[in-house]
Amino acid sequence: MKFIIVSIAAAGLMVAGSAMATDMPALAKKNGCAACHSIDKKIVGPAWMDVAKKYKGDAGAEARLITKVSKGGGGVWGTTPMPALDPSGKKQDDIKQLVQFILALDK
């Protein structure tokens, strides 16, 4: 009987864990963001959850982050600069979706 209860509890935790997990968006994989960022761990660049926490409540954050992702730059999260994702300006819709995804992680 105890085995059945433990098995059901473990299965429930596994389902809850996978339902709560947030996956890297396809746009991020397509554009190479996952090479330097993850949702919850620092790789080369900051974890996106940390970005969301840093800019929580900042009304101008979305516009600034869209510019940063588009043009690249450094100095906010360390010395390693982020390369420009969209120097031509043709991926603005993709970048806006990614930035909105990142900022929503802390809600």
C-alpha atoms as a PDB file:
ATOM      1  CA  MET A   1       0.000   0.000   0.000  1.00  0.00           C
ATOM      2  CA  LYS A   2       2.800   2.418   0.893  1.00  0.00           C
ATOM      3  CA  PHE A   3       4.465   1.614  -2.441  1.00  0.00           C
ATOM      4  CA  ILE A   4       1.336   2.624  -4.353  1.00  0.00           C
ATOM      5  CA  ILE A   5       1.003   5.910  -2.465  1.00  0.00           C
ATOM      6  CA  VAL A   6       4.683   6.753  -2.965  1.00  0.00           C
ATOM      7  CA  SER A   7       4.458   5.883  -6.662  1.00  0.00           C
ATOM      8  CA  ILE A   8       1.414   8.080  -7.162  1.00  0.00           C
ATOM      9  CA  ALA A   9       3.057  10.963  -5.297  1.00  0.00           C
ATOM     10  CA  ALA A  10       6.263  10.630  -7.335  1.00  0.00           C
ATOM     11  CA  ALA A  11       4.319  10.528 -10.598  1.00  0.00           C
ATOM     12  CA  GLY A  12       2.391  13.616  -9.560  1.00  0.00           C
ATOM     13  CA  LEU A  13       5.586  15.504  -8.805  1.00  0.00           C
ATOM     14  CA  MET A  14       7.063  14.535 -12.166  1.00  0.00           C
ATOM     15  CA  VAL A  15       3.971  15.762 -14.007  1.00  0.00           C
ATOM     16  CA  ALA A  16       3.889  18.989 -12.002  1.00  0.00           C
ATOM     17  CA  GLY A  17       7.589  19.580 -12.623  1.00  0.00           C
ATOM     18  CA  SER A  18       7.266  19.147 -16.362  1.00  0.00           C
ATOM     19  CA  ALA A  19       4.158  21.324 -16.484  1.00  0.00           C
ATOM     20  CA  MET A  20       5.959  24.106 -14.621  1.00  0.00           C
ATOM     21  CA  ALA A  21       9.117  23.891 -16.714  1.00  0.00           C
ATOM     22  CA  THR A  22       9.487  26.609 -19.312  1.00  0.00           C
ATOM     23  CA  ASP A  23      11.124  25.624 -22.558  1.00  0.00           C
ATOM     24  CA  MET A  24      13.439  27.769 -24.629  1.00  0.00           C
ATOM     25  CA  PRO A  25      11.308  29.311 -27.408  1.00  0.00           C
ATOM     26  CA  ALA A  26      11.911  28.103 -30.963  1.00  0.00           C
ATOM     27  CA  LEU A  27      12.848  31.664 -31.964  1.00  0.00           C
ATOM     28  CA  ALA A  28      15.697  31.619 -29.453  1.00  0.00           C
ATOM     29  CA  LYS A  29      16.996  28.315 -30.782  1.00  0.00           C
ATOM     30  CA  LYS A  30      16.670  29.478 -34.400  1.00  0.00           C
ATOM     31  CA  ASN A  31      18.581  32.699 -33.726  1.00  0.00           C
ATOM     32  CA  GLY A  32      21.367  31.122 -31.651  1.00  0.00           C
ATOM     33  CA  CYS A  33      20.373  32.658 -28.303  1.00  0.00           C
ATOM     34  CA  ALA A  34      20.563  29.269 -26.560  1.00  0.00           C
ATOM     35  CA  ALA A  35      24.309  29.121 -27.202  1.00  0.00           C
ATOM     36  CA  CYS A  36      24.875  31.822 -24.568  1.00  0.00           C
ATOM     37  CA  HIS A  37      21.648  31.969 -22.551  1.00  0.00           C
ATOM     38  CA  SER A  38      19.379  29.593 -20.712  1.00  0.00           C
ATOM     39  CA  ILE A  39      16.189  30.299 -18.895  1.00  0.00           C
ATOM     40  CA  ASP A  40      17.424  29.576 -15.390  1.00  0.00           C
ATOM     41  CA  LYS A  41      21.255  29.333 -15.476  1.00  0.00           C
ATOM     42  CA  LYS A  42      24.039  31.695 -16.465  1.00  0.00           C
ATOM     43  CA  ILE A  43      26.027  30.332 -19.402  1.00  0.00           C
ATOM     44  CA  VAL A  44      28.039  33.021 -21.207  1.00  0.00           C
ATOM     45  CA  GLY A  45      25.254  35.554 -20.857  1.00  0.00           C
ATOM     46  CA  PRO A  46      22.836  35.937 -17.975  1.00  0.00           C
ATOM     47  CA  ALA A  47      19.961  33.577 -17.269  1.00  0.00           C
ATOM     48  CA  TRP A  48      16.796  35.039 -18.695  1.00  0.00           C
ATOM     49  CA  MET A  49      15.062  34.747 -15.308  1.00  0.00           C
ATOM     50  CA  ASP A  50      17.763  37.028 -13.892  1.00  0.00           C
ATOM     51  CA  VAL A  51      17.144  39.523 -16.704  1.00  0.00           C
ATOM     52  CA  ALA A  52      13.412  39.441 -15.960  1.00  0.00           C
ATOM     53  CA  LYS A  53      14.055  40.068 -12.248  1.00  0.00           C
ATOM     54  CA  LYS A  54      16.463  42.933 -12.955  1.00  0.00           C
ATOM     55  CA  TYR A  55      13.970  44.765 -15.166  1.00  0.00           C
ATOM     56  CA  LYS A  56      10.756  43.921 -13.290  1.00  0.00           C
ATOM     57  CA  GLY A  57       8.570  47.006 -13.045  1.00  0.00           C
ATOM     58  CA  ASP A  58      10.760  49.019 -15.449  1.00  0.00           C
ATOM     59  CA  ALA A  59       8.394  50.501 -18.044  1.00  0.00           C
ATOM     60  CA  GLY A  60      11.210  51.245 -20.511  1.00  0.00           C
ATOM     61  CA  ALA A  61      12.879  47.842 -20.257  1.00  0.00           C
ATOM     62  CA  GLU A  62      11.215  46.277 -23.297  1.00  0.00           C
ATOM     63  CA  ALA A  63      12.376  49.014 -25.679  1.00  0.00           C
ATOM     64  CA  ARG A  64      15.918  49.057 -24.237  1.00  0.00           C
ATOM     65  CA  LEU A  65      16.234  45.274 -24.412  1.00  0.00           C
ATOM     66  CA  ILE A  66      14.950  45.176 -27.998  1.00  0.00           C
ATOM     67  CA  THR A  67      17.680  47.665 -28.905  1.00  0.00           C
ATOM     68  CA  LYS A  68      20.325  45.720 -26.965  1.00  0.00           C
ATOM     69  CA  VAL A  69      19.425  42.406 -28.627  1.00  0.00           C
ATOM     70  CA  SER A  70      19.259  44.052 -32.053  1.00  0.00           C
ATOM     71  CA  LYS A  71      22.529  45.974 -31.858  1.00  0.00           C
ATOM     72  CA  GLY A  72      24.449  43.938 -29.277  1.00  0.00           C
ATOM     73  CA  GLY A  73      26.685  45.426 -26.634  1.00  0.00           C
ATOM     74  CA  GLY A  74      28.153  44.732 -23.244  1.00  0.00           C
ATOM     75  CA  GLY A  75      28.806  46.081 -19.809  1.00  0.00           C
ATOM     76  CA  VAL A  76      25.513  45.285 -18.091  1.00  0.00           C
ATOM     77  CA  TRP A  77      26.166  41.633 -17.176  1.00  0.00           C
ATOM     78  CA  GLY A  78      29.940  41.479 -17.398  1.00  0.00           C
ATOM     79  CA  THR A  79      32.734  42.046 -19.876  1.00  0.00           C
ATOM     80  CA  THR A  80      31.672  39.604 -22.597  1.00  0.00           C
ATOM     81  CA  PRO A  81      29.770  41.570 -25.236  1.00  0.00           C
ATOM     82  CA  MET A  82      26.602  40.224 -26.787  1.00  0.00           C
ATOM     83  CA  PRO A  83      26.760  40.116 -30.579  1.00  0.00           C
ATOM     84  CA  ALA A  84      24.153  41.971 -32.600  1.00  0.00           C
ATOM     85  CA  LEU A  85      21.258  39.714 -33.555  1.00  0.00           C
ATOM     86  CA  ASP A  86      19.718  42.095 -36.067  1.00  0.00           C
ATOM     87  CA  PRO A  87      22.073  44.746 -37.434  1.00  0.00           C
ATOM     88  CA  SER A  88      19.929  44.973 -40.600  1.00  0.00           C
ATOM     89  CA  GLY A  89      16.698  45.604 -38.671  1.00  0.00           C
ATOM     90  CA  LYS A  90      14.808  42.756 -40.367  1.00  0.00           C
ATOM     91  CA  LYS A  91      14.100  40.623 -37.266  1.00  0.00           C
ATOM     92  CA  GLN A  92      12.363  43.176 -35.054  1.00  0.00           C
ATOM     93  CA  ASP A  93       9.179  41.123 -34.641  1.00  0.00           C
ATOM     94  CA  ASP A  94      11.198  38.061 -33.561  1.00  0.00           C
ATOM     95  CA  ILE A  95      13.254  40.126 -31.146  1.00  0.00           C
ATOM     96  CA  LYS A  96      10.175  41.775 -29.652  1.00  0.00           C
ATOM     97  CA  GLN A  97       8.605  38.346 -29.056  1.00  0.00           C
ATOM     98  CA  LEU A  98      11.790  37.076 -27.375  1.00  0.00           C
ATOM     99  CA  VAL A  99      12.099  40.143 -25.150  1.00  0.00           C
ATOM    100  CA  GLN A 100       8.446  39.884 -24.123  1.00  0.00           C
ATOM    101  CA  PHE A 101       8.977  36.187 -23.326  1.00  0.00           C
ATOM    102  CA  ILE A 102      12.030  37.007 -21.196  1.00  0.00           C
ATOM    103  CA  LEU A 103      10.343  39.828 -19.281  1.00  0.00           C
ATOM    104  CA  ALA A 104       7.296  37.622 -18.592  1.00  0.00           C
ATOM    105  CA  LEU A 105       9.435  35.024 -16.811  1.00  0.00           C
ATOM    106  CA  ASP A 106       9.254  36.957 -13.542  1.00  0.00           C
ATOM    107  CA  LYS A 107       5.483  37.307 -13.464  1.00  0.00           C
END
